C-alpha atoms as a PDB file:
ATOM      1  CA  MET A   1       4.835  17.207   2.412  1.00  0.00           C
ATOM      2  CA  TYR A   2       7.374  15.948  -0.108  1.00  0.00           C
ATOM      3  CA  ASP A   3       7.184  15.185  -3.798  1.00  0.00           C
ATOM      4  CA  ALA A   4       5.793  11.857  -4.885  1.00  0.00           C
ATOM      5  CA  VAL A   5       7.850   8.728  -4.270  1.00  0.00           C
ATOM      6  CA  ARG A   6       7.620   5.238  -5.707  1.00  0.00           C
ATOM      7  CA  LEU A   7       6.300   2.904  -3.003  1.00  0.00           C
ATOM      8  CA  THR A   8       7.042  -0.800  -3.515  1.00  0.00           C
ATOM      9  CA  ILE A   9       5.546  -3.539  -1.353  1.00  0.00           C
ATOM     10  CA  GLN A  10       5.794  -7.234  -2.234  1.00  0.00           C
ATOM     11  CA  GLY A  11       6.737  -6.422  -5.820  1.00  0.00           C
ATOM     12  CA  ARG A  12       3.806  -4.065  -6.445  1.00  0.00           C
ATOM     13  CA  ASP A  13       4.471  -0.378  -6.783  1.00  0.00           C
ATOM     14  CA  CYS A  14       2.638   2.919  -6.981  1.00  0.00           C
ATOM     15  CA  THR A  15       3.435   6.608  -6.728  1.00  0.00           C
ATOM     16  CA  MET A  16       2.332   8.379  -3.546  1.00  0.00           C
ATOM     17  CA  ASP A  17       2.968  11.681  -1.766  1.00  0.00           C
ATOM     18  CA  VAL A  18       4.789  11.348   1.558  1.00  0.00           C
ATOM     19  CA  MET A  19       5.393  13.521   4.580  1.00  0.00           C
ATOM     20  CA  GLU A  20       8.240  13.795   7.061  1.00  0.00           C
ATOM     21  CA  VAL A  21       7.837  12.407  10.559  1.00  0.00           C
ATOM     22  CA  PRO A  22      10.250  12.685  13.497  1.00  0.00           C
ATOM     23  CA  ASP A  23      13.067  10.140  13.755  1.00  0.00           C
ATOM     24  CA  GLY A  24      12.001   7.032  15.654  1.00  0.00           C
ATOM     25  CA  THR A  25       8.378   7.298  14.539  1.00  0.00           C
ATOM     26  CA  PRO A  26       7.100   4.012  13.078  1.00  0.00           C
ATOM     27  CA  VAL A  27       6.417   4.077   9.348  1.00  0.00           C
ATOM     28  CA  LEU A  28       2.724   3.574   8.648  1.00  0.00           C
ATOM     29  CA  ILE A  29       1.219   2.523   5.332  1.00  0.00           C
ATOM     30  CA  GLY A  30      -2.307   3.910   5.093  1.00  0.00           C
ATOM     31  CA  GLN A  31      -5.458   2.789   3.354  1.00  0.00           C
ATOM     32  CA  LEU A  32      -4.890   4.750   0.136  1.00  0.00           C
ATOM     33  CA  PRO A  33      -1.548   3.105  -0.738  1.00  0.00           C
ATOM     34  CA  LEU A  34      -3.008  -0.298   0.127  1.00  0.00           C
ATOM     35  CA  GLU A  35      -5.950   0.348  -2.198  1.00  0.00           C
ATOM     36  CA  HIS A  36      -3.624   1.525  -4.980  1.00  0.00           C
ATOM     37  CA  LEU A  37      -1.576  -1.655  -4.596  1.00  0.00           C
ATOM     38  CA  ASP A  38      -4.742  -3.820  -4.312  1.00  0.00           C
ATOM     39  CA  PHE A  39      -3.787  -5.238  -0.898  1.00  0.00           C
ATOM     40  CA  VAL A  40      -5.893  -5.978   2.164  1.00  0.00           C
ATOM     41  CA  VAL A  41      -4.831  -6.748   5.730  1.00  0.00           C
ATOM     42  CA  ASP A  42      -5.653 -10.317   6.770  1.00  0.00           C
ATOM     43  CA  LEU A  43      -6.498  -9.897  10.445  1.00  0.00           C
ATOM     44  CA  ARG A  44      -6.451 -13.632  11.167  1.00  0.00           C
ATOM     45  CA  SER A  45      -2.900 -14.213   9.946  1.00  0.00           C
ATOM     46  CA  HIS A  46      -1.668 -10.666  10.695  1.00  0.00           C
ATOM     47  CA  SER A  47      -0.377 -10.330   7.148  1.00  0.00           C
ATOM     48  CA  LEU A  48      -0.790  -8.326   3.974  1.00  0.00           C
ATOM     49  CA  ILE A  49      -2.427 -10.237   1.119  1.00  0.00           C
ATOM     50  CA  GLY A  50      -3.600  -9.539  -2.411  1.00  0.00           C
ATOM     51  CA  ASN A  51      -7.246  -8.558  -2.530  1.00  0.00           C
ATOM     52  CA  PRO A  52      -9.229 -11.841  -2.513  1.00  0.00           C
ATOM     53  CA  ALA A  53     -12.031 -10.123  -4.459  1.00  0.00           C
ATOM     54  CA  HIS A  54      -9.564  -9.985  -7.377  1.00  0.00           C
ATOM     55  CA  GLY A  55      -8.089 -13.464  -6.936  1.00  0.00           C
ATOM     56  CA  GLY A  56      -5.100 -12.004  -5.109  1.00  0.00           C
ATOM     57  CA  GLU A  57      -3.837 -10.464  -8.357  1.00  0.00           C
ATOM     58  CA  HIS A  58      -2.976  -6.786  -8.742  1.00  0.00           C
ATOM     59  CA  LEU A  59      -5.909  -5.164 -10.524  1.00  0.00           C
ATOM     60  CA  TYR A  60      -6.106  -1.579 -11.793  1.00  0.00           C
ATOM     61  CA  ASP A  61      -9.414   0.258 -12.029  1.00  0.00           C
ATOM     62  CA  LEU A  62      -9.475   2.462 -15.119  1.00  0.00           C
ATOM     63  CA  PHE A  63     -12.184   5.082 -15.323  1.00  0.00           C
END
């Protein structure tokens, strides 16, 4: 496990902890970063889109 890094996808960014994987291993973006960035996977178009429940805009939940 490494210190937190800034993850940026399609202009949205968040801070996440990362871990080392062997060279040649595909990089996977999990559910937690996608939720932080307010993205969902569109299975029909095989693409990453802004959460339609929020009009596709990046929305932060503040509690």
